[in-house]
Amino acid sequence: METLEDVRSETRKIDDQLIELIIRRTELGEKTIELKRKQKIELYDERHILEVLRRAEEEAKRKGIDPKLLKKIFEILIEMRMTKELRKIVE
């Protein structure tokens, strides 16, 4: 029989994986800046941001989770990435 501690332990493992994925996602900001500079593309791409948020909402609906909450999570992820990109520019 599974215990509460077993479930919490599994949750902690997933949390650790999420943290690693978030780190990887934000690190891509550095590569994004380099590519945008080489291609002379604006750093802020509202159309792309809206597409990412739309896709997150659609996927949430498809998977049966709250699309508004998932959109908020992605807004935070985008903010983290943009902050990393801006720091890179300032350096």
PDB file of N, CA and C in Angstrom:
ATOM      1  N   MET A   1       0.834  -1.189   0.000  1.00  0.00           N
ATOM      2  CA  MET A   1       0.000   0.000   0.000  1.00  0.00           C
ATOM      3  C   MET A   1       0.882   1.257   0.000  1.00  0.00           C
ATOM      4  N   GLU A   2       0.523   2.178  -0.850  1.00  0.00           N
ATOM      5  CA  GLU A   2       1.279   3.415  -0.971  1.00  0.00           C
ATOM      6  C   GLU A   2       0.973   4.323   0.224  1.00  0.00           C
ATOM      7  N   THR A   3       2.014   4.929   0.760  1.00  0.00           N
ATOM      8  CA  THR A   3       1.846   5.819   1.909  1.00  0.00           C
ATOM      9  C   THR A   3       1.877   7.281   1.455  1.00  0.00           C
ATOM     10  N   LEU A   4       1.480   8.148   2.359  1.00  0.00           N
ATOM     11  CA  LEU A   4       1.543   9.576   2.087  1.00  0.00           C
ATOM     12  C   LEU A   4       2.981   9.994   1.804  1.00  0.00           C
ATOM     13  N   GLU A   5       3.915   9.453   2.544  1.00  0.00           N
ATOM     14  CA  GLU A   5       5.327   9.785   2.329  1.00  0.00           C
ATOM     15  C   GLU A   5       5.801   9.324   0.957  1.00  0.00           C
ATOM     16  N   ASP A   6       5.318   8.175   0.490  1.00  0.00           N
ATOM     17  CA  ASP A   6       5.656   7.707  -0.859  1.00  0.00           C
ATOM     18  C   ASP A   6       5.199   8.712  -1.913  1.00  0.00           C
ATOM     19  N   VAL A   7       3.980   9.183  -1.759  1.00  0.00           N
ATOM     20  CA  VAL A   7       3.427  10.142  -2.715  1.00  0.00           C
ATOM     21  C   VAL A   7       4.201  11.451  -2.651  1.00  0.00           C
ATOM     22  N   ARG A   8       4.519  11.900  -1.442  1.00  0.00           N
ATOM     23  CA  ARG A   8       5.287  13.144  -1.299  1.00  0.00           C
ATOM     24  C   ARG A   8       6.689  12.998  -1.882  1.00  0.00           C
ATOM     25  N   SER A   9       7.275  11.849  -1.716  1.00  0.00           N
ATOM     26  CA  SER A   9       8.599  11.599  -2.269  1.00  0.00           C
ATOM     27  C   SER A   9       8.560  11.671  -3.794  1.00  0.00           C
ATOM     28  N   GLU A  10       7.560  11.064  -4.372  1.00  0.00           N
ATOM     29  CA  GLU A  10       7.408  11.107  -5.836  1.00  0.00           C
ATOM     30  C   GLU A  10       7.167  12.539  -6.301  1.00  0.00           C
ATOM     31  N   THR A  11       6.377  13.287  -5.547  1.00  0.00           N
ATOM     32  CA  THR A  11       6.115  14.690  -5.878  1.00  0.00           C
ATOM     33  C   THR A  11       7.409  15.494  -5.846  1.00  0.00           C
ATOM     34  N   ARG A  12       8.259  15.264  -4.853  1.00  0.00           N
ATOM     35  CA  ARG A  12       9.546  15.966  -4.768  1.00  0.00           C
ATOM     36  C   ARG A  12      10.419  15.656  -5.979  1.00  0.00           C
ATOM     37  N   LYS A  13      10.400  14.416  -6.427  1.00  0.00           N
ATOM     38  CA  LYS A  13      11.174  14.050  -7.617  1.00  0.00           C
ATOM     39  C   LYS A  13      10.683  14.820  -8.840  1.00  0.00           C
ATOM     40  N   ILE A  14       9.378  14.918  -8.971  1.00  0.00           N
ATOM     41  CA  ILE A  14       8.800  15.655 -10.097  1.00  0.00           C
ATOM     42  C   ILE A  14       9.151  17.132  -9.981  1.00  0.00           C
ATOM     43  N   ASP A  15       9.081  17.669  -8.761  1.00  0.00           N
ATOM     44  CA  ASP A  15       9.461  19.075  -8.544  1.00  0.00           C
ATOM     45  C   ASP A  15      10.904  19.314  -8.990  1.00  0.00           C
ATOM     46  N   ASP A  16      11.791  18.401  -8.634  1.00  0.00           N
ATOM     47  CA  ASP A  16      13.199  18.528  -9.043  1.00  0.00           C
ATOM     48  C   ASP A  16      13.331  18.510 -10.562  1.00  0.00           C
ATOM     49  N   GLN A  17      12.571  17.652 -11.213  1.00  0.00           N
ATOM     50  CA  GLN A  17      12.601  17.587 -12.674  1.00  0.00           C
ATOM     51  C   GLN A  17      12.065  18.883 -13.281  1.00  0.00           C
ATOM     52  N   LEU A  18      10.996  19.423 -12.692  1.00  0.00           N
ATOM     53  CA  LEU A  18      10.441  20.683 -13.182  1.00  0.00           C
ATOM     54  C   LEU A  18      11.463  21.810 -13.079  1.00  0.00           C
ATOM     55  N   ILE A  19      12.157  21.855 -11.960  1.00  0.00           N
ATOM     56  CA  ILE A  19      13.180  22.885 -11.771  1.00  0.00           C
ATOM     57  C   ILE A  19      14.259  22.775 -12.841  1.00  0.00           C
ATOM     58  N   GLU A  20      14.702  21.562 -13.109  1.00  0.00           N
ATOM     59  CA  GLU A  20      15.725  21.363 -14.144  1.00  0.00           C
ATOM     60  C   GLU A  20      15.206  21.792 -15.516  1.00  0.00           C
ATOM     61  N   LEU A  21      13.967  21.474 -15.820  1.00  0.00           N
ATOM     62  CA  LEU A  21      13.390  21.877 -17.107  1.00  0.00           C
ATOM     63  C   LEU A  21      13.258  23.393 -17.205  1.00  0.00           C
ATOM     64  N   ILE A  22      12.877  24.037 -16.108  1.00  0.00           N
ATOM     65  CA  ILE A  22      12.770  25.493 -16.104  1.00  0.00           C
ATOM     66  C   ILE A  22      14.143  26.118 -16.324  1.00  0.00           C
ATOM     67  N   ILE A  23      15.158  25.573 -15.683  1.00  0.00           N
ATOM     68  CA  ILE A  23      16.518  26.072 -15.881  1.00  0.00           C
ATOM     69  C   ILE A  23      16.923  25.932 -17.338  1.00  0.00           C
ATOM     70  N   ARG A  24      16.675  24.770 -17.917  1.00  0.00           N
ATOM     71  CA  ARG A  24      17.024  24.559 -19.328  1.00  0.00           C
ATOM     72  C   ARG A  24      16.284  25.536 -20.226  1.00  0.00           C
ATOM     73  N   ARG A  25      15.010  25.760 -19.916  1.00  0.00           N
ATOM     74  CA  ARG A  25      14.193  26.662 -20.733  1.00  0.00           C
ATOM     75  C   ARG A  25      14.731  28.093 -20.663  1.00  0.00           C
ATOM     76  N   THR A  26      15.078  28.553 -19.466  1.00  0.00           N
ATOM     77  CA  THR A  26      15.578  29.923 -19.337  1.00  0.00           C
ATOM     78  C   THR A  26      16.972  30.070 -19.949  1.00  0.00           C
ATOM     79  N   GLU A  27      17.773  29.007 -19.910  1.00  0.00           N
ATOM     80  CA  GLU A  27      19.103  29.073 -20.528  1.00  0.00           C
ATOM     81  C   GLU A  27      19.021  29.238 -22.037  1.00  0.00           C
ATOM     82  N   LEU A  28      17.940  28.806 -22.616  1.00  0.00           N
ATOM     83  CA  LEU A  28      17.768  28.981 -24.063  1.00  0.00           C
ATOM     84  C   LEU A  28      17.671  30.454 -24.437  1.00  0.00           C
ATOM     85  N   GLY A  29      17.390  31.291 -23.450  1.00  0.00           N
ATOM     86  CA  GLY A  29      17.343  32.731 -23.704  1.00  0.00           C
ATOM     87  C   GLY A  29      18.649  33.262 -24.251  1.00  0.00           C
ATOM     88  N   GLU A  30      19.764  32.738 -23.756  1.00  0.00           N
ATOM     89  CA  GLU A  30      21.068  33.182 -24.250  1.00  0.00           C
ATOM     90  C   GLU A  30      21.248  32.830 -25.724  1.00  0.00           C
ATOM     91  N   LYS A  31      20.855  31.628 -26.081  1.00  0.00           N
ATOM     92  CA  LYS A  31      20.956  31.234 -27.491  1.00  0.00           C
ATOM     93  C   LYS A  31      20.008  32.062 -28.349  1.00  0.00           C
ATOM     94  N   THR A  32      18.841  32.354 -27.796  1.00  0.00           N
ATOM     95  CA  THR A  32      17.860  33.157 -28.521  1.00  0.00           C
ATOM     96  C   THR A  32      18.419  34.533 -28.840  1.00  0.00           C
ATOM     97  N   ILE A  33      19.060  35.156 -27.853  1.00  0.00           N
ATOM     98  CA  ILE A  33      19.646  36.485 -28.077  1.00  0.00           C
ATOM     99  C   ILE A  33      20.681  36.435 -29.185  1.00  0.00           C
ATOM    100  N   GLU A  34      21.563  35.449 -29.126  1.00  0.00           N
ATOM    101  CA  GLU A  34      22.602  35.331 -30.146  1.00  0.00           C
ATOM    102  C   GLU A  34      21.997  35.191 -31.537  1.00  0.00           C
ATOM    103  N   LEU A  35      21.010  34.318 -31.662  1.00  0.00           N
ATOM    104  CA  LEU A  35      20.392  34.095 -32.967  1.00  0.00           C
ATOM    105  C   LEU A  35      19.637  35.322 -33.458  1.00  0.00           C
ATOM    106  N   LYS A  36      18.919  35.981 -32.548  1.00  0.00           N
ATOM    107  CA  LYS A  36      18.183  37.179 -32.942  1.00  0.00           C
ATOM    108  C   LYS A  36      19.136  38.288 -33.380  1.00  0.00           C
ATOM    109  N   ARG A  37      20.253  38.413 -32.682  1.00  0.00           N
ATOM    110  CA  ARG A  37      21.234  39.434 -33.071  1.00  0.00           C
ATOM    111  C   ARG A  37      21.827  39.134 -34.440  1.00  0.00           C
ATOM    112  N   LYS A  38      22.193  37.883 -34.669  1.00  0.00           N
ATOM    113  CA  LYS A  38      22.771  37.501 -35.955  1.00  0.00           C
ATOM    114  C   LYS A  38      21.790  37.735 -37.095  1.00  0.00           C
ATOM    115  N   GLN A  39      20.517  37.458 -36.830  1.00  0.00           N
ATOM    116  CA  GLN A  39      19.500  37.597 -37.868  1.00  0.00           C
ATOM    117  C   GLN A  39      18.853  38.979 -37.873  1.00  0.00           C
ATOM    118  N   LYS A  40      19.339  39.860 -36.966  1.00  0.00           N
ATOM    119  CA  LYS A  40      18.815  41.220 -36.854  1.00  0.00           C
ATOM    120  C   LYS A  40      17.300  41.229 -36.644  1.00  0.00           C
ATOM    121  N   ILE A  41      16.883  40.417 -35.692  1.00  0.00           N
ATOM    122  CA  ILE A  41      15.464  40.295 -35.334  1.00  0.00           C
ATOM    123  C   ILE A  41      15.258  41.006 -33.996  1.00  0.00           C
ATOM    124  N   GLU A  42      14.120  41.679 -33.872  1.00  0.00           N
ATOM    125  CA  GLU A  42      13.776  42.323 -32.599  1.00  0.00           C
ATOM    126  C   GLU A  42      13.801  41.301 -31.474  1.00  0.00           C
ATOM    127  N   LEU A  43      14.298  41.721 -30.316  1.00  0.00           N
ATOM    128  CA  LEU A  43      14.371  40.800 -29.184  1.00  0.00           C
ATOM    129  C   LEU A  43      12.993  40.468 -28.630  1.00  0.00           C
ATOM    130  N   TYR A  44      12.101  41.442 -28.623  1.00  0.00           N
ATOM    131  CA  TYR A  44      10.752  41.222 -28.104  1.00  0.00           C
ATOM    132  C   TYR A  44       9.832  40.885 -29.257  1.00  0.00           C
ATOM    133  N   ASP A  45       9.237  39.697 -29.218  1.00  0.00           N
ATOM    134  CA  ASP A  45       8.362  39.227 -30.294  1.00  0.00           C
ATOM    135  C   ASP A  45       6.998  38.891 -29.701  1.00  0.00           C
ATOM    136  N   GLU A  46       6.144  39.899 -29.652  1.00  0.00           N
ATOM    137  CA  GLU A  46       4.835  39.713 -29.033  1.00  0.00           C
ATOM    138  C   GLU A  46       4.022  38.618 -29.718  1.00  0.00           C
ATOM    139  N   ARG A  47       4.121  38.535 -31.021  1.00  0.00           N
ATOM    140  CA  ARG A  47       3.372  37.515 -31.762  1.00  0.00           C
ATOM    141  C   ARG A  47       3.777  36.116 -31.312  1.00  0.00           C
ATOM    142  N   HIS A  48       5.076  35.897 -31.130  1.00  0.00           N
ATOM    143  CA  HIS A  48       5.558  34.591 -30.675  1.00  0.00           C
ATOM    144  C   HIS A  48       5.087  34.302 -29.246  1.00  0.00           C
ATOM    145  N   ILE A  49       5.156  35.312 -28.395  1.00  0.00           N
ATOM    146  CA  ILE A  49       4.706  35.144 -27.010  1.00  0.00           C
ATOM    147  C   ILE A  49       3.232  34.760 -26.978  1.00  0.00           C
ATOM    148  N   LEU A  50       2.418  35.446 -27.740  1.00  0.00           N
ATOM    149  CA  LEU A  50       0.990  35.122 -27.784  1.00  0.00           C
ATOM    150  C   LEU A  50       0.751  33.709 -28.305  1.00  0.00           C
ATOM    151  N   GLU A  51       1.552  33.281 -29.258  1.00  0.00           N
ATOM    152  CA  GLU A  51       1.434  31.921 -29.799  1.00  0.00           C
ATOM    153  C   GLU A  51       1.785  30.888 -28.728  1.00  0.00           C
ATOM    154  N   VAL A  52       2.836  31.138 -27.948  1.00  0.00           N
ATOM    155  CA  VAL A  52       3.226  30.222 -26.870  1.00  0.00           C
ATOM    156  C   VAL A  52       2.093  30.112 -25.855  1.00  0.00           C
ATOM    157  N   LEU A  53       1.503  31.245 -25.491  1.00  0.00           N
ATOM    158  CA  LEU A  53       0.415  31.238 -24.507  1.00  0.00           C
ATOM    159  C   LEU A  53      -0.830  30.541 -25.059  1.00  0.00           C
ATOM    160  N   ARG A  54      -1.132  30.787 -26.326  1.00  0.00           N
ATOM    161  CA  ARG A  54      -2.285  30.132 -26.959  1.00  0.00           C
ATOM    162  C   ARG A  54      -2.093  28.625 -26.982  1.00  0.00           C
ATOM    163  N   ARG A  55      -0.890  28.208 -27.358  1.00  0.00           N
ATOM    164  CA  ARG A  55      -0.590  26.780 -27.425  1.00  0.00           C
ATOM    165  C   ARG A  55      -0.700  26.130 -26.046  1.00  0.00           C
ATOM    166  N   ALA A  56      -0.236  26.829 -25.009  1.00  0.00           N
ATOM    167  CA  ALA A  56      -0.320  26.301 -23.643  1.00  0.00           C
ATOM    168  C   ALA A  56      -1.779  26.133 -23.231  1.00  0.00           C
ATOM    169  N   GLU A  57      -2.601  27.126 -23.538  1.00  0.00           N
ATOM    170  CA  GLU A  57      -4.019  27.033 -23.192  1.00  0.00           C
ATOM    171  C   GLU A  57      -4.708  25.877 -23.918  1.00  0.00           C
ATOM    172  N   GLU A  58      -4.410  25.735 -25.195  1.00  0.00           N
ATOM    173  CA  GLU A  58      -5.012  24.648 -25.968  1.00  0.00           C
ATOM    174  C   GLU A  58      -4.598  23.281 -25.420  1.00  0.00           C
ATOM    175  N   GLU A  59      -3.323  23.153 -25.098  1.00  0.00           N
ATOM    176  CA  GLU A  59      -2.827  21.883 -24.569  1.00  0.00           C
ATOM    177  C   GLU A  59      -3.462  21.585 -23.206  1.00  0.00           C
ATOM    178  N   ALA A  60      -3.645  22.613 -22.397  1.00  0.00           N
ATOM    179  CA  ALA A  60      -4.290  22.438 -21.092  1.00  0.00           C
ATOM    180  C   ALA A  60      -5.712  21.918 -21.273  1.00  0.00           C
ATOM    181  N   LYS A  61      -6.442  22.511 -22.190  1.00  0.00           N
ATOM    182  CA  LYS A  61      -7.816  22.069 -22.457  1.00  0.00           C
ATOM    183  C   LYS A  61      -7.822  20.621 -22.906  1.00  0.00           C
ATOM    184  N   ARG A  62      -6.899  20.284 -23.795  1.00  0.00           N
ATOM    185  CA  ARG A  62      -6.820  18.922 -24.320  1.00  0.00           C
ATOM    186  C   ARG A  62      -6.495  17.910 -23.222  1.00  0.00           C
ATOM    187  N   LYS A  63      -5.660  18.328 -22.251  1.00  0.00           N
ATOM    188  CA  LYS A  63      -5.221  17.419 -21.195  1.00  0.00           C
ATOM    189  C   LYS A  63      -6.110  17.475 -19.955  1.00  0.00           C
ATOM    190  N   GLY A  64      -7.102  18.379 -19.967  1.00  0.00           N
ATOM    191  CA  GLY A  64      -8.050  18.439 -18.858  1.00  0.00           C
ATOM    192  C   GLY A  64      -7.566  19.186 -17.623  1.00  0.00           C
ATOM    193  N   ILE A  65      -6.671  20.159 -17.821  1.00  0.00           N
ATOM    194  CA  ILE A  65      -6.267  20.989 -16.688  1.00  0.00           C
ATOM    195  C   ILE A  65      -6.696  22.429 -16.958  1.00  0.00           C
ATOM    196  N   ASP A  66      -6.706  23.236 -15.926  1.00  0.00           N
ATOM    197  CA  ASP A  66      -7.206  24.602 -16.020  1.00  0.00           C
ATOM    198  C   ASP A  66      -6.334  25.442 -16.958  1.00  0.00           C
ATOM    199  N   PRO A  67      -6.894  25.872 -18.098  1.00  0.00           N
ATOM    200  CA  PRO A  67      -6.100  26.627 -19.068  1.00  0.00           C
ATOM    201  C   PRO A  67      -5.642  27.986 -18.539  1.00  0.00           C
ATOM    202  N   LYS A  68      -6.434  28.624 -17.714  1.00  0.00           N
ATOM    203  CA  LYS A  68      -6.044  29.933 -17.178  1.00  0.00           C
ATOM    204  C   LYS A  68      -4.840  29.806 -16.249  1.00  0.00           C
ATOM    205  N   LEU A  69      -4.842  28.759 -15.429  1.00  0.00           N
ATOM    206  CA  LEU A  69      -3.712  28.558 -14.523  1.00  0.00           C
ATOM    207  C   LEU A  69      -2.449  28.185 -15.292  1.00  0.00           C
ATOM    208  N   LEU A  70      -2.592  27.327 -16.296  1.00  0.00           N
ATOM    209  CA  LEU A  70      -1.413  26.963 -17.080  1.00  0.00           C
ATOM    210  C   LEU A  70      -0.878  28.170 -17.844  1.00  0.00           C
ATOM    211  N   LYS A  71      -1.786  29.017 -18.322  1.00  0.00           N
ATOM    212  CA  LYS A  71      -1.350  30.241 -19.003  1.00  0.00           C
ATOM    213  C   LYS A  71      -0.537  31.108 -18.050  1.00  0.00           C
ATOM    214  N   LYS A  72      -0.971  31.223 -16.795  1.00  0.00           N
ATOM    215  CA  LYS A  72      -0.223  32.008 -15.807  1.00  0.00           C
ATOM    216  C   LYS A  72       1.181  31.432 -15.600  1.00  0.00           C
ATOM    217  N   ILE A  73       1.276  30.115 -15.544  1.00  0.00           N
ATOM    218  CA  ILE A  73       2.584  29.471 -15.386  1.00  0.00           C
ATOM    219  C   ILE A  73       3.484  29.835 -16.566  1.00  0.00           C
ATOM    220  N   PHE A  74       2.930  29.772 -17.763  1.00  0.00           N
ATOM    221  CA  PHE A  74       3.732  30.100 -18.947  1.00  0.00           C
ATOM    222  C   PHE A  74       4.079  31.581 -18.993  1.00  0.00           C
ATOM    223  N   GLU A  75       3.197  32.436 -18.502  1.00  0.00           N
ATOM    224  CA  GLU A  75       3.533  33.861 -18.427  1.00  0.00           C
ATOM    225  C   GLU A  75       4.748  34.071 -17.516  1.00  0.00           C
ATOM    226  N   ILE A  76       4.784  33.339 -16.413  1.00  0.00           N
ATOM    227  CA  ILE A  76       5.926  33.430 -15.505  1.00  0.00           C
ATOM    228  C   ILE A  76       7.183  32.894 -16.182  1.00  0.00           C
ATOM    229  N   LEU A  77       7.077  31.778 -16.879  1.00  0.00           N
ATOM    230  CA  LEU A  77       8.232  31.224 -17.592  1.00  0.00           C
ATOM    231  C   LEU A  77       8.755  32.205 -18.636  1.00  0.00           C
ATOM    232  N   ILE A  78       7.851  32.849 -19.348  1.00  0.00           N
ATOM    233  CA  ILE A  78       8.252  33.831 -20.353  1.00  0.00           C
ATOM    234  C   ILE A  78       8.933  35.014 -19.674  1.00  0.00           C
ATOM    235  N   GLU A  79       8.382  35.454 -18.562  1.00  0.00           N
ATOM    236  CA  GLU A  79       8.995  36.566 -17.819  1.00  0.00           C
ATOM    237  C   GLU A  79      10.401  36.192 -17.351  1.00  0.00           C
ATOM    238  N   MET A  80      10.576  34.977 -16.863  1.00  0.00           N
ATOM    239  CA  MET A  80      11.900  34.522 -16.427  1.00  0.00           C
ATOM    240  C   MET A  80      12.880  34.551 -17.592  1.00  0.00           C
ATOM    241  N   ARG A  81      12.444  34.071 -18.733  1.00  0.00           N
ATOM    242  CA  ARG A  81      13.318  34.016 -19.904  1.00  0.00           C
ATOM    243  C   ARG A  81      13.662  35.419 -20.388  1.00  0.00           C
ATOM    244  N   MET A  82      12.660  36.290 -20.418  1.00  0.00           N
ATOM    245  CA  MET A  82      12.914  37.657 -20.868  1.00  0.00           C
ATOM    246  C   MET A  82      13.858  38.376 -19.911  1.00  0.00           C
ATOM    247  N   THR A  83      13.711  38.119 -18.621  1.00  0.00           N
ATOM    248  CA  THR A  83      14.610  38.714 -17.636  1.00  0.00           C
ATOM    249  C   THR A  83      16.033  38.246 -17.880  1.00  0.00           C
ATOM    250  N   LYS A  84      16.195  36.965 -18.169  1.00  0.00           N
ATOM    251  CA  LYS A  84      17.538  36.430 -18.458  1.00  0.00           C
ATOM    252  C   LYS A  84      18.083  37.069 -19.738  1.00  0.00           C
ATOM    253  N   GLU A  85      17.247  37.228 -20.760  1.00  0.00           N
ATOM    254  CA  GLU A  85      17.684  37.852 -22.003  1.00  0.00           C
ATOM    255  C   GLU A  85      18.115  39.296 -21.749  1.00  0.00           C
ATOM    256  N   LEU A  86      17.336  40.024 -20.953  1.00  0.00           N
ATOM    257  CA  LEU A  86      17.682  41.414 -20.665  1.00  0.00           C
ATOM    258  C   LEU A  86      18.976  41.525 -19.880  1.00  0.00           C
ATOM    259  N   ARG A  87      19.184  40.635 -18.934  1.00  0.00           N
ATOM    260  CA  ARG A  87      20.451  40.627 -18.183  1.00  0.00           C
ATOM    261  C   ARG A  87      21.622  40.409 -19.122  1.00  0.00           C
ATOM    262  N   LYS A  88      21.453  39.539 -20.077  1.00  0.00           N
ATOM    263  CA  LYS A  88      22.508  39.236 -21.038  1.00  0.00           C
ATOM    264  C   LYS A  88      22.837  40.479 -21.871  1.00  0.00           C
ATOM    265  N   ILE A  89      21.819  41.224 -22.228  1.00  0.00           N
ATOM    266  CA  ILE A  89      22.028  42.433 -23.023  1.00  0.00           C
ATOM    267  C   ILE A  89      22.807  43.467 -22.220  1.00  0.00           C
ATOM    268  N   VAL A  90      22.469  43.609 -20.958  1.00  0.00           N
ATOM    269  CA  VAL A  90      23.085  44.619 -20.096  1.00  0.00           C
ATOM    270  C   VAL A  90      24.533  44.288 -19.775  1.00  0.00           C
ATOM    271  N   GLU A  91      24.871  43.007 -19.738  1.00  0.00           N
ATOM    272  CA  GLU A  91      26.248  42.598 -19.386  1.00  0.00           C
ATOM    273  C   GLU A  91      27.262  43.104 -20.372  1.00  0.00           C
TER     274      GLU A  91
END
